[in-house]
Amino acid sequence: MVCVIRHKVLREKQSIRSVARQLGVSRNTVAKYLEISEPRRRESASRRRPVMEAVAPRIEELLEEWAGRTTAKQWLTGSRVHRQLVEEGRQVGITTVRDYMREKRRREAEVYIPLVHRPGEEGQVDFFQVTVEEAGEQREVWKFLVRLPYSGRDFAWLYDRCDQLAFLDGHVRGAGYLGGLPQRMVYDNLTAAVKRLVGVERELTERFRALVSHYLFEPCFARPGEGHDKGSVEARGKGLKLKYLTPVPRGETLRQISEAVLAEMEEGWRSQVRRDGKDSEALWEEERRGLLPLPARPFDARRTVLTSVSNKATVQMEAGLYSVPSTWARLDVVAHVGVEDIRLACRDEELVVRRERPGGKRIQYRHYLPELARKPQAVRQVAPELVAELGEPFGQLWAMLEARYGNREASRVLARVLGAVVDQGEGAVAEALQATFQAGRQDLLALPRCHEGPRAVPVPAALQGYEVEAASAADYDVLLVGGER
């Protein structure tokens, strides 16, 4: 219509009146389109809305009154406010109330600022819950993620728990993998890092403060409840779950799954085509030069705990039960708790055990050899587990003894063999057993005597002529009471 009007008047030189008559429009409309080349809506002054103006103060009162009675999942809707207004006898439509609520949310909504990320300046950290299949069992674990917004490079590792130990260990692994850490690291107000919030200041936990002091980066924190302050890692964490952890990854151990996922992430990062056309490797080279250099040694993320050994030679640690050498029973031990293992130290001895899940138990019967050598009945109850730990030829020995003598007598013989292991060492006994089987000998009851006995003590020449007769303790009673034998 606009083009036709302008063409007839300006090109064909027809009058405004004739064009208006031909097209069935007013002359004012023709005159208006001669001034503009496209239709344009003319904004008129906003009209008054008396109903909304009447109920707006009451809506604000309701919102203030109910502010303490809402949660993130139970919030006030326009329908609920409208129902309250109707119950109070106010004549107002639900559309009016919804329009007011929508406009109020729009005015109060936060305006996000487009941020600039510079090389080596910033890293963002967060935990995400994911599902994996470890050793055939599907379970929930935690993904620790470090995101470098400038280069787009990430580091991720999977942990059983979302605790301070995993938090610290993730920093140590991430720093080693990336070759350094950014100048600033941005976090939520998680308890692993923040002991308490005092106004706008945060009091850091002792262990996190030690980590910061070790690597010398600046810790920064998002506002409470405002996770989008570190939106880069938030979005990336969800994206990685769909891209690299779907379908649910499988592996024999959590470490194996972590390494496989990290390798896929690295390959994806190197091959990605960025919208701005920049090369990932070139951006990483810029980022790498801006990272803080690593200290001479990594931070020790282990937690040190002082505990004691029970009368069963076990230690309760991190909701798991672990056996220790029986000689440690009822002594104090120092436990250095790591993510994957626990290092136990008692006097001059040290033992490293694999860390179990909460409620797990790790009993090694090697720790009880001195006790088992004296308790054949206990050997009878744990023999299958014990010989599985000791391996061959002890498994072959137990099978032969049990087949020849039965379970009860076999336990007695095995107890005597264990006594030889305590005295002579596992390697020497295993070697002697192997030689016995190869020679086809059947005198297994004498096995403990097959090993080299205690070293003979030379007898002085002056005593070599004396013969010591066998005696019993009762023979010496006469010396105590002065009687005759």
Protein backbone atom coordinates (compact mmCIF):
# COMPACT_ATOMS: atom_id res chain seq x y z
CA MET A 1 0.00 0.00 0.00
CA VAL A 2 2.73 2.51 0.92
CA CYS A 3 4.70 1.73 -2.24
CA VAL A 4 1.56 2.08 -4.44
CA ILE A 5 0.62 5.44 -2.91
CA ARG A 6 4.11 6.89 -3.29
CA HIS A 7 4.46 5.59 -6.86
CA LYS A 8 1.12 7.06 -8.03
CA VAL A 9 1.76 10.48 -6.51
CA LEU A 10 5.51 10.88 -6.93
CA ARG A 11 6.05 8.99 -10.19
CA GLU A 12 2.72 9.21 -12.00
CA LYS A 13 2.04 12.76 -10.70
CA GLN A 14 -1.57 12.00 -9.70
CA SER A 15 -3.24 14.19 -7.13
CA ILE A 16 -3.63 13.20 -3.51
CA ARG A 17 -7.42 13.38 -3.84
CA SER A 18 -7.59 11.05 -6.84
CA VAL A 19 -5.22 8.53 -5.28
CA ALA A 20 -7.24 8.53 -2.08
CA ARG A 21 -10.44 7.96 -4.07
CA GLN A 22 -8.87 5.12 -6.10
CA LEU A 23 -7.48 3.26 -3.10
CA GLY A 24 -10.33 3.98 -0.69
CA VAL A 25 -8.20 5.70 1.94
CA SER A 26 -8.27 9.14 3.42
CA ARG A 27 -6.25 12.00 2.02
CA ASN A 28 -4.48 12.26 5.38
CA THR A 29 -3.26 8.69 4.94
CA VAL A 30 -1.94 9.47 1.47
CA ALA A 31 -0.19 12.60 2.76
CA LYS A 32 1.36 10.65 5.65
CA TYR A 33 2.90 7.99 3.39
CA LEU A 34 4.38 10.62 1.16
CA GLU A 35 6.55 11.64 4.11
CA ILE A 36 7.66 8.14 5.15
CA SER A 37 8.72 5.16 3.05
CA GLU A 38 7.46 2.40 5.37
CA PRO A 39 4.53 1.99 7.75
CA ARG A 40 5.41 3.00 11.27
CA ARG A 41 3.36 2.67 14.41
CA ARG A 42 2.96 5.93 16.23
CA GLU A 43 3.22 5.51 19.97
CA SER A 44 0.39 7.11 21.82
CA ALA A 45 0.39 8.13 25.45
CA SER A 46 -0.24 5.20 27.78
CA ARG A 47 -3.80 5.07 28.96
CA ARG A 48 -4.76 4.91 32.59
CA ARG A 49 -5.53 1.53 34.13
CA PRO A 50 -7.71 2.33 37.13
CA VAL A 51 -8.28 -1.29 38.25
CA MET A 52 -4.55 -2.11 38.33
CA GLU A 53 -3.82 1.19 40.09
CA ALA A 54 -6.42 0.28 42.74
CA VAL A 55 -5.13 -3.24 43.49
CA ALA A 56 -1.38 -2.61 43.05
CA PRO A 57 -0.82 -1.40 46.65
CA ARG A 58 -2.64 -4.45 48.02
CA ILE A 59 -0.59 -6.81 45.82
CA GLU A 60 2.62 -5.27 47.18
CA GLU A 61 1.33 -5.72 50.74
CA LEU A 62 0.60 -9.40 50.08
CA LEU A 63 4.01 -9.98 48.55
CA GLU A 64 5.73 -8.40 51.56
CA GLU A 65 3.51 -10.22 54.04
CA TRP A 66 4.12 -13.64 52.45
CA ALA A 67 7.81 -13.11 51.68
CA GLY A 68 8.94 -15.26 54.62
CA ARG A 69 6.52 -18.06 53.75
CA THR A 70 7.88 -19.00 50.34
CA THR A 71 10.75 -21.22 49.15
CA ALA A 72 12.62 -21.74 45.90
CA LYS A 73 10.08 -24.42 44.95
CA GLN A 74 6.97 -22.86 46.56
CA TRP A 75 6.78 -19.36 45.15
CA LEU A 76 3.87 -16.95 44.72
CA THR A 77 2.06 -17.05 41.40
CA GLY A 78 -0.36 -14.59 39.83
CA SER A 79 -3.16 -17.13 40.26
CA ARG A 80 -2.57 -17.39 44.02
CA VAL A 81 -2.49 -13.61 44.48
CA HIS A 82 -5.64 -13.24 42.37
CA ARG A 83 -7.45 -15.82 44.51
CA GLN A 84 -6.56 -13.88 47.64
CA LEU A 85 -7.79 -10.60 46.15
CA VAL A 86 -11.10 -12.18 45.12
CA GLU A 87 -11.54 -13.64 48.62
CA GLU A 88 -11.11 -10.12 49.97
CA GLY A 89 -13.95 -8.95 47.74
CA ARG A 90 -11.94 -7.05 45.13
CA GLN A 91 -13.18 -6.97 41.55
CA VAL A 92 -10.13 -7.70 39.45
CA GLY A 93 -9.38 -10.03 36.56
CA ILE A 94 -6.65 -12.68 36.71
CA THR A 95 -5.00 -11.24 33.58
CA THR A 96 -4.57 -7.90 35.31
CA VAL A 97 -2.87 -9.53 38.29
CA ARG A 98 -0.62 -11.67 36.10
CA ASP A 99 0.39 -8.65 34.02
CA TYR A 100 1.33 -6.77 37.19
CA MET A 101 3.36 -9.70 38.54
CA ARG A 102 5.11 -10.20 35.20
CA GLU A 103 6.07 -6.52 34.95
CA LYS A 104 7.26 -6.51 38.56
CA ARG A 105 9.53 -9.52 37.92
CA ARG A 106 10.88 -7.89 34.76
CA ARG A 107 11.80 -4.68 36.61
CA GLU A 108 13.44 -6.55 39.49
CA ALA A 109 15.28 -9.14 37.37
CA GLU A 110 19.06 -8.92 37.42
CA VAL A 111 20.77 -7.56 34.34
CA TYR A 112 23.80 -9.66 33.45
CA ILE A 113 26.99 -7.95 32.38
CA PRO A 114 28.99 -9.36 29.46
CA LEU A 115 32.35 -10.20 31.05
CA VAL A 116 35.83 -10.20 29.55
CA HIS A 117 38.07 -13.22 30.20
CA ARG A 118 41.79 -12.64 29.89
CA PRO A 119 44.48 -15.32 29.45
CA GLY A 120 45.63 -16.91 32.70
CA GLU A 121 43.57 -14.57 34.83
CA GLU A 122 40.55 -16.61 35.88
CA GLY A 123 39.48 -20.18 36.59
CA GLN A 124 36.10 -21.40 37.81
CA VAL A 125 35.52 -24.46 40.03
CA ASP A 126 32.49 -26.55 40.91
CA PHE A 127 31.24 -30.05 41.79
CA PHE A 128 28.55 -31.92 39.82
CA GLN A 129 26.80 -35.17 40.73
CA VAL A 130 27.00 -37.81 37.98
CA THR A 131 26.31 -41.53 37.55
CA VAL A 132 28.98 -44.10 36.63
CA GLU A 133 29.18 -47.88 36.47
CA GLU A 134 32.15 -49.05 38.53
CA ALA A 135 32.98 -52.77 38.50
CA GLY A 136 29.46 -53.56 37.26
CA GLU A 137 27.73 -51.43 39.91
CA GLN A 138 25.93 -48.24 38.91
CA ARG A 139 26.25 -45.51 41.52
CA GLU A 140 26.36 -41.76 42.12
CA VAL A 141 29.74 -40.00 42.31
CA TRP A 142 30.98 -36.39 42.15
CA LYS A 143 32.74 -34.69 39.27
CA PHE A 144 35.25 -31.99 40.24
CA LEU A 145 35.63 -29.50 37.38
CA VAL A 146 38.08 -26.66 36.72
CA ARG A 147 37.13 -24.43 33.79
CA LEU A 148 39.44 -21.88 32.12
CA PRO A 149 37.05 -19.52 30.28
CA TYR A 150 39.62 -17.87 28.03
CA SER A 151 41.02 -20.97 26.32
CA GLY A 152 38.01 -23.20 27.02
CA ARG A 153 40.23 -25.92 28.48
CA ASP A 154 38.91 -28.05 31.34
CA PHE A 155 40.12 -30.48 33.95
CA ALA A 156 37.72 -32.99 35.53
CA TRP A 157 38.13 -35.87 38.00
CA LEU A 158 35.63 -38.20 39.67
CA TYR A 159 35.40 -38.72 43.44
CA ASP A 160 33.37 -40.88 45.80
CA ARG A 161 32.58 -37.93 48.01
CA CYS A 162 32.04 -34.20 47.68
CA ASP A 163 34.18 -33.34 50.71
CA GLN A 164 37.16 -31.16 51.52
CA LEU A 165 39.66 -33.92 50.77
CA ALA A 166 38.28 -34.34 47.23
CA PHE A 167 38.15 -30.54 46.85
CA LEU A 168 41.82 -30.13 47.76
CA ASP A 169 42.94 -33.20 45.80
CA GLY A 170 41.13 -31.86 42.72
CA HIS A 171 43.17 -28.64 42.87
CA VAL A 172 46.42 -30.59 43.16
CA ARG A 173 45.58 -32.87 40.23
CA GLY A 174 44.27 -29.95 38.17
CA ALA A 175 47.38 -27.86 38.78
CA GLY A 176 49.60 -30.76 37.73
CA TYR A 177 47.52 -31.50 34.62
CA LEU A 178 47.33 -27.89 33.43
CA GLY A 179 50.88 -27.00 34.45
CA GLY A 180 49.77 -24.18 36.73
CA LEU A 181 46.76 -22.37 38.14
CA PRO A 182 45.12 -19.06 37.13
CA GLN A 183 45.63 -15.83 39.05
CA ARG A 184 42.08 -16.04 40.47
CA MET A 185 39.82 -19.02 41.20
CA VAL A 186 36.05 -18.50 41.53
CA TYR A 187 33.91 -20.71 43.81
CA ASP A 188 30.52 -21.13 45.42
CA ASN A 189 30.45 -20.62 49.17
CA LEU A 190 31.07 -24.32 49.79
CA THR A 191 31.98 -25.51 53.29
CA ALA A 192 35.24 -27.06 52.07
CA ALA A 193 36.55 -23.53 51.51
CA VAL A 194 34.46 -21.16 53.65
CA LYS A 195 34.19 -21.62 57.39
CA ARG A 196 31.67 -18.81 57.82
CA LEU A 197 30.42 -15.64 56.14
CA VAL A 198 30.92 -12.41 58.09
CA GLY A 199 29.11 -9.66 56.22
CA VAL A 200 30.70 -9.64 52.78
CA GLU A 201 33.92 -11.17 54.07
CA ARG A 202 34.59 -14.90 54.22
CA GLU A 203 36.63 -16.76 56.82
CA LEU A 204 38.45 -19.57 55.02
CA THR A 205 38.94 -23.05 56.41
CA GLU A 206 42.46 -23.84 57.61
CA ARG A 207 43.17 -26.45 54.95
CA PHE A 208 41.90 -24.30 52.08
CA ARG A 209 43.91 -21.34 53.38
CA ALA A 210 46.98 -23.59 53.34
CA LEU A 211 46.23 -24.57 49.71
CA VAL A 212 45.89 -20.90 48.71
CA SER A 213 49.14 -20.07 50.47
CA HIS A 214 50.90 -22.95 48.69
CA TYR A 215 49.85 -22.00 45.14
CA LEU A 216 49.44 -18.24 45.79
CA PHE A 217 46.24 -17.71 43.79
CA GLU A 218 43.42 -15.36 44.81
CA PRO A 219 40.21 -17.10 45.96
CA CYS A 220 37.02 -15.36 44.81
CA PHE A 221 33.46 -16.34 45.69
CA ALA A 222 30.07 -15.98 44.06
CA ARG A 223 27.30 -14.24 45.94
CA PRO A 224 25.33 -16.65 48.16
CA GLY A 225 22.67 -18.36 46.09
CA GLU A 226 23.92 -16.77 42.85
CA GLY A 227 25.70 -19.63 41.08
CA HIS A 228 25.46 -17.80 37.74
CA ASP A 229 28.27 -15.52 38.96
CA LYS A 230 30.45 -18.35 37.66
CA GLY A 231 28.22 -19.21 34.74
CA SER A 232 31.01 -20.55 32.55
CA VAL A 233 31.70 -23.60 34.76
CA GLU A 234 27.97 -24.04 35.52
CA ALA A 235 27.10 -24.37 31.85
CA ARG A 236 30.17 -26.45 31.05
CA GLY A 237 29.50 -28.93 33.85
CA LYS A 238 26.05 -29.71 32.48
CA GLY A 239 27.36 -29.89 28.92
CA LEU A 240 30.14 -32.32 29.81
CA LYS A 241 27.66 -34.62 31.54
CA LEU A 242 25.66 -34.97 28.32
CA LYS A 243 28.64 -35.07 25.97
CA TYR A 244 31.14 -37.33 27.77
CA LEU A 245 29.20 -39.07 30.55
CA THR A 246 26.24 -40.21 28.46
CA PRO A 247 25.69 -43.11 28.18
CA VAL A 248 26.86 -43.87 31.72
CA PRO A 249 30.63 -44.54 31.53
CA ARG A 250 31.95 -47.92 32.68
CA GLY A 251 35.21 -49.04 34.26
CA GLU A 252 36.72 -51.28 36.89
CA THR A 253 37.80 -48.37 39.10
CA LEU A 254 36.85 -44.73 39.50
CA ARG A 255 40.38 -43.73 38.49
CA GLN A 256 40.06 -45.68 35.24
CA ILE A 257 36.76 -43.96 34.43
CA SER A 258 38.21 -40.54 35.30
CA GLU A 259 41.21 -41.03 33.02
CA ALA A 260 39.00 -42.15 30.12
CA VAL A 261 36.61 -39.19 30.49
CA LEU A 262 39.49 -36.73 30.78
CA ALA A 263 41.13 -38.13 27.63
CA GLU A 264 37.86 -37.70 25.70
CA MET A 265 37.47 -34.14 26.99
CA GLU A 266 41.01 -33.28 25.91
CA GLU A 267 40.49 -34.70 22.43
CA GLY A 268 37.19 -32.84 22.07
CA TRP A 269 38.77 -29.56 23.15
CA ARG A 270 41.64 -29.86 20.67
CA SER A 271 39.33 -30.66 17.76
CA GLN A 272 36.57 -28.14 18.46
CA VAL A 273 35.79 -25.41 15.92
CA ARG A 274 35.16 -22.13 17.68
CA ARG A 275 32.59 -19.63 16.45
CA ASP A 276 35.16 -16.84 16.36
CA GLY A 277 37.48 -18.99 14.25
CA LYS A 278 40.31 -18.92 16.79
CA ASP A 279 42.51 -21.98 17.25
CA SER A 280 42.25 -23.76 20.63
CA GLU A 281 45.98 -24.49 20.77
CA ALA A 282 46.85 -20.85 20.11
CA LEU A 283 44.49 -19.68 22.85
CA TRP A 284 45.96 -22.24 25.25
CA GLU A 285 49.47 -21.01 24.54
CA GLU A 286 48.39 -17.52 25.59
CA GLU A 287 46.59 -18.93 28.64
CA ARG A 288 49.55 -21.08 29.66
CA ARG A 289 51.93 -18.11 29.73
CA GLY A 290 49.59 -16.30 32.12
CA LEU A 291 49.24 -19.16 34.65
CA LEU A 292 50.99 -19.06 38.00
CA PRO A 293 54.10 -21.30 38.03
CA LEU A 294 53.87 -24.47 40.08
CA PRO A 295 55.77 -24.74 43.39
CA ALA A 296 58.69 -27.16 43.65
CA ARG A 297 56.42 -29.79 45.24
CA PRO A 298 52.65 -30.29 45.08
CA PHE A 299 50.39 -29.51 48.01
CA ASP A 300 49.81 -32.47 50.33
CA ALA A 301 46.04 -32.82 50.30
CA ARG A 302 45.99 -35.70 52.81
CA ARG A 303 44.23 -35.18 56.12
CA THR A 304 46.17 -36.27 59.23
CA VAL A 305 44.21 -38.01 61.99
CA LEU A 306 45.39 -39.54 65.28
CA THR A 307 43.51 -42.68 66.24
CA SER A 308 44.04 -45.95 68.11
CA VAL A 309 44.06 -49.64 67.20
CA SER A 310 41.43 -51.94 68.72
CA ASN A 311 42.14 -55.22 70.50
CA LYS A 312 41.26 -56.92 67.20
CA ALA A 313 44.11 -55.08 65.46
CA THR A 314 41.64 -52.97 63.43
CA VAL A 315 41.29 -49.23 62.82
CA GLN A 316 37.99 -47.45 62.21
CA MET A 317 38.72 -44.69 59.71
CA GLU A 318 36.44 -42.62 57.45
CA ALA A 319 33.48 -44.97 58.13
CA GLY A 320 35.57 -47.94 56.97
CA LEU A 321 37.27 -50.74 58.92
CA TYR A 322 40.90 -51.70 58.23
CA SER A 323 43.12 -54.40 59.70
CA VAL A 324 46.70 -53.64 60.76
CA PRO A 325 49.56 -55.89 61.96
CA SER A 326 48.55 -57.69 65.16
CA THR A 327 51.61 -56.24 66.90
CA TRP A 328 49.90 -52.79 66.67
CA ALA A 329 46.93 -53.86 68.82
CA ARG A 330 45.99 -51.26 71.49
CA LEU A 331 48.57 -48.74 70.23
CA ASP A 332 48.04 -45.24 68.81
CA VAL A 333 48.51 -44.70 65.06
CA VAL A 334 48.77 -41.63 62.84
CA ALA A 335 46.59 -41.89 59.72
CA HIS A 336 47.30 -39.78 56.64
CA VAL A 337 43.99 -39.99 54.77
CA GLY A 338 44.08 -39.60 50.99
CA VAL A 339 41.42 -39.87 48.31
CA GLU A 340 42.45 -43.35 47.16
CA ASP A 341 44.46 -44.74 50.10
CA ILE A 342 45.28 -44.25 53.77
CA ARG A 343 48.86 -44.27 55.08
CA LEU A 344 49.05 -45.59 58.67
CA ALA A 345 52.14 -45.10 60.83
CA CYS A 346 52.78 -46.77 64.19
CA ARG A 347 56.13 -46.37 65.93
CA ASP A 348 58.73 -47.21 63.27
CA GLU A 349 56.35 -49.09 60.97
CA GLU A 350 54.17 -47.83 58.12
CA LEU A 351 51.28 -49.41 56.23
CA VAL A 352 49.33 -48.20 53.18
CA VAL A 353 45.79 -49.51 52.65
CA ARG A 354 43.35 -48.81 49.84
CA ARG A 355 40.55 -46.56 51.00
CA GLU A 356 37.16 -48.25 51.22
CA ARG A 357 33.72 -46.75 50.69
CA PRO A 358 31.69 -45.84 53.81
CA GLY A 359 30.69 -49.03 55.57
CA GLY A 360 33.36 -51.03 53.76
CA LYS A 361 35.78 -53.45 55.40
CA ARG A 362 39.34 -54.41 54.43
CA ILE A 363 40.71 -57.28 56.53
CA GLN A 364 44.06 -58.79 55.54
CA TYR A 365 44.79 -62.04 57.38
CA ARG A 366 48.50 -61.63 56.70
CA HIS A 367 48.41 -59.16 59.57
CA TYR A 368 47.39 -61.96 61.98
CA LEU A 369 50.00 -64.64 61.14
CA PRO A 370 51.58 -64.71 64.65
CA GLU A 371 48.13 -65.19 66.18
CA LEU A 372 46.96 -67.73 63.60
CA ALA A 373 50.11 -69.80 64.15
CA ARG A 374 48.90 -70.36 67.74
CA LYS A 375 45.18 -70.76 66.99
CA PRO A 376 44.38 -73.67 64.63
CA GLN A 377 40.64 -73.21 65.17
CA ALA A 378 40.88 -69.62 63.88
CA VAL A 379 42.90 -70.91 60.91
CA ARG A 380 40.08 -73.33 60.17
CA GLN A 381 37.60 -70.44 59.90
CA VAL A 382 39.68 -68.13 57.73
CA ALA A 383 41.84 -70.57 55.74
CA PRO A 384 40.25 -69.92 52.30
CA GLU A 385 40.67 -66.15 52.65
CA LEU A 386 44.18 -66.50 54.07
CA VAL A 387 45.57 -68.79 51.35
CA ALA A 388 43.96 -66.54 48.72
CA GLU A 389 46.04 -63.67 50.13
CA LEU A 390 49.22 -65.71 50.38
CA GLY A 391 48.82 -67.16 46.88
CA GLU A 392 50.66 -70.21 45.61
CA PRO A 393 51.99 -72.62 46.72
CA PHE A 394 49.96 -72.05 49.90
CA GLY A 395 46.70 -72.59 48.05
CA GLN A 396 47.97 -75.89 46.70
CA LEU A 397 49.16 -76.87 50.18
CA TRP A 398 45.76 -76.18 51.77
CA ALA A 399 43.91 -78.11 49.05
CA MET A 400 46.22 -81.12 49.54
CA LEU A 401 46.03 -81.04 53.34
CA GLU A 402 42.25 -80.70 53.36
CA ALA A 403 41.84 -83.56 50.88
CA ARG A 404 44.23 -85.86 52.80
CA TYR A 405 43.54 -85.06 56.47
CA GLY A 406 40.22 -83.26 56.54
CA ASN A 407 39.46 -79.67 57.50
CA ARG A 408 40.26 -79.99 61.21
CA GLU A 409 43.69 -81.64 60.98
CA ALA A 410 44.60 -79.58 57.90
CA SER A 411 44.09 -76.41 59.97
CA ARG A 412 46.52 -77.69 62.61
CA VAL A 413 49.20 -78.43 60.01
CA LEU A 414 48.65 -75.08 58.31
CA ALA A 415 49.00 -73.32 61.68
CA ARG A 416 52.44 -74.93 62.09
CA VAL A 417 53.38 -73.83 58.58
CA LEU A 418 52.31 -70.29 59.45
CA GLY A 419 54.60 -70.46 62.48
CA ALA A 420 57.45 -71.20 60.07
CA VAL A 421 56.38 -68.22 57.95
CA VAL A 422 56.59 -65.99 61.02
CA ASP A 423 60.04 -67.34 61.96
CA GLN A 424 61.64 -67.79 58.53
CA GLY A 425 59.73 -65.43 56.25
CA GLU A 426 57.07 -66.02 53.63
CA GLY A 427 59.53 -66.28 50.74
CA ALA A 428 61.66 -69.01 52.36
CA VAL A 429 58.64 -71.12 53.30
CA ALA A 430 57.08 -70.74 49.86
CA GLU A 431 60.34 -71.83 48.26
CA ALA A 432 60.58 -74.89 50.52
CA LEU A 433 56.97 -75.83 49.82
CA GLN A 434 57.52 -75.53 46.10
CA ALA A 435 60.56 -77.78 46.33
CA THR A 436 58.55 -80.29 48.38
CA PHE A 437 55.77 -80.48 45.77
CA GLN A 438 58.26 -80.84 42.94
CA ALA A 439 60.00 -83.70 44.78
CA GLY A 440 56.67 -85.42 45.37
CA ARG A 441 57.20 -85.65 49.13
CA GLN A 442 54.21 -86.48 51.31
CA ASP A 443 55.66 -85.84 54.79
CA LEU A 444 53.89 -82.49 55.00
CA LEU A 445 53.42 -82.73 58.75
CA ALA A 446 57.17 -82.13 59.08
CA LEU A 447 57.17 -79.08 56.84
CA PRO A 448 58.07 -76.61 59.58
CA ARG A 449 61.20 -78.67 60.27
CA CYS A 450 62.26 -78.48 56.62
CA HIS A 451 63.47 -74.93 57.12
CA GLU A 452 66.72 -73.95 58.57
CA GLY A 453 66.39 -73.79 62.34
CA PRO A 454 67.89 -71.28 64.73
CA ARG A 455 71.63 -70.82 64.38
CA ALA A 456 73.60 -73.19 66.73
CA VAL A 457 75.35 -71.52 69.66
CA PRO A 458 78.97 -72.74 70.22
CA VAL A 459 79.51 -74.49 73.59
CA PRO A 460 82.63 -73.42 75.55
CA ALA A 461 85.30 -76.14 75.86
CA ALA A 462 85.06 -76.14 79.65
CA LEU A 463 81.37 -77.15 79.50
CA GLN A 464 81.54 -79.67 76.70
CA GLY A 465 82.07 -82.59 79.14
CA TYR A 466 78.83 -81.98 81.00
CA GLU A 467 75.61 -83.70 80.06
CA VAL A 468 72.31 -82.00 80.85
CA GLU A 469 69.59 -84.48 81.62
CA ALA A 470 65.93 -83.85 80.82
CA ALA A 471 63.96 -82.68 83.86
CA SER A 472 60.64 -81.17 84.86
CA ALA A 473 59.84 -78.14 86.99
CA ALA A 474 58.73 -80.41 89.87
CA ASP A 475 62.27 -81.79 90.17
CA TYR A 476 63.37 -78.45 91.55
CA ASP A 477 60.85 -78.30 94.38
CA VAL A 478 63.34 -79.98 96.72
CA LEU A 479 65.60 -76.98 96.41
CA LEU A 480 62.78 -74.72 97.50
CA VAL A 481 61.52 -76.69 100.57
CA GLY A 482 64.79 -78.34 101.61
CA GLY A 483 63.36 -81.85 101.41
CA GLU A 484 64.64 -84.97 99.74
CA ARG A 485 63.79 -86.04 96.26
